[in-house]
Amino acid sequence: MGAFSFHKRFAESALALTGANEIRFFHDHGLWKMPGDSKPTP
């Protein structure tokens, strides 16, 4: 996941989409569930 999180192309895309001058990586994990998963979301 780190290879994608810190890839230059994603940083450049984030800058272009937000119009910001800089991007800071704030959170280092994501949560997702598969459709129909019976486990509650934390």
Protein backbone atom coordinates (compact mmCIF):
# COMPACT_ATOMS: atom_id res chain seq x y z
CA MET A 1 0.00 0.00 0.00
CA GLY A 2 2.90 2.34 0.71
CA ALA A 3 4.03 2.12 -2.90
CA PHE A 4 0.68 3.64 -3.91
CA SER A 5 0.26 6.03 -0.98
CA PHE A 6 3.51 7.85 -1.62
CA HIS A 7 3.64 7.60 -5.41
CA LYS A 8 4.40 10.94 -7.07
CA ARG A 9 1.52 10.59 -9.54
CA PHE A 10 -1.07 10.43 -6.74
CA ALA A 11 0.43 13.44 -4.99
CA GLU A 12 0.34 15.42 -8.23
CA SER A 13 -3.28 14.36 -8.83
CA ALA A 14 -4.26 15.44 -5.31
CA LEU A 15 -2.65 18.84 -5.88
CA ALA A 16 -4.42 19.28 -9.20
CA LEU A 17 -7.82 18.23 -7.83
CA THR A 18 -7.65 20.41 -4.72
CA GLY A 19 -5.81 23.39 -6.16
CA ALA A 20 -3.52 23.30 -3.11
CA ASN A 21 0.15 24.27 -3.04
CA GLU A 22 1.13 21.27 -0.93
CA ILE A 23 -0.34 18.00 0.31
CA ARG A 24 0.39 16.41 3.67
CA PHE A 25 -0.14 12.73 4.29
CA PHE A 26 -2.30 12.74 7.41
CA HIS A 27 -3.72 9.27 7.89
CA ASP A 28 -1.91 6.07 7.06
CA HIS A 29 -4.70 3.51 6.86
CA GLY A 30 -8.16 3.02 5.43
CA LEU A 31 -11.20 0.98 6.34
CA TRP A 32 -13.32 -0.92 3.86
CA LYS A 33 -15.78 -3.77 3.87
CA MET A 34 -16.88 -6.21 1.24
CA PRO A 35 -20.55 -6.00 0.24
CA GLY A 36 -22.70 -8.20 2.44
CA ASP A 37 -20.09 -8.54 5.21
CA SER A 38 -21.82 -9.44 8.47
CA LYS A 39 -19.12 -7.93 10.71
CA PRO A 40 -19.85 -4.49 12.18
CA THR A 41 -17.79 -1.51 11.03
CA PRO A 42 -15.35 -0.43 13.75
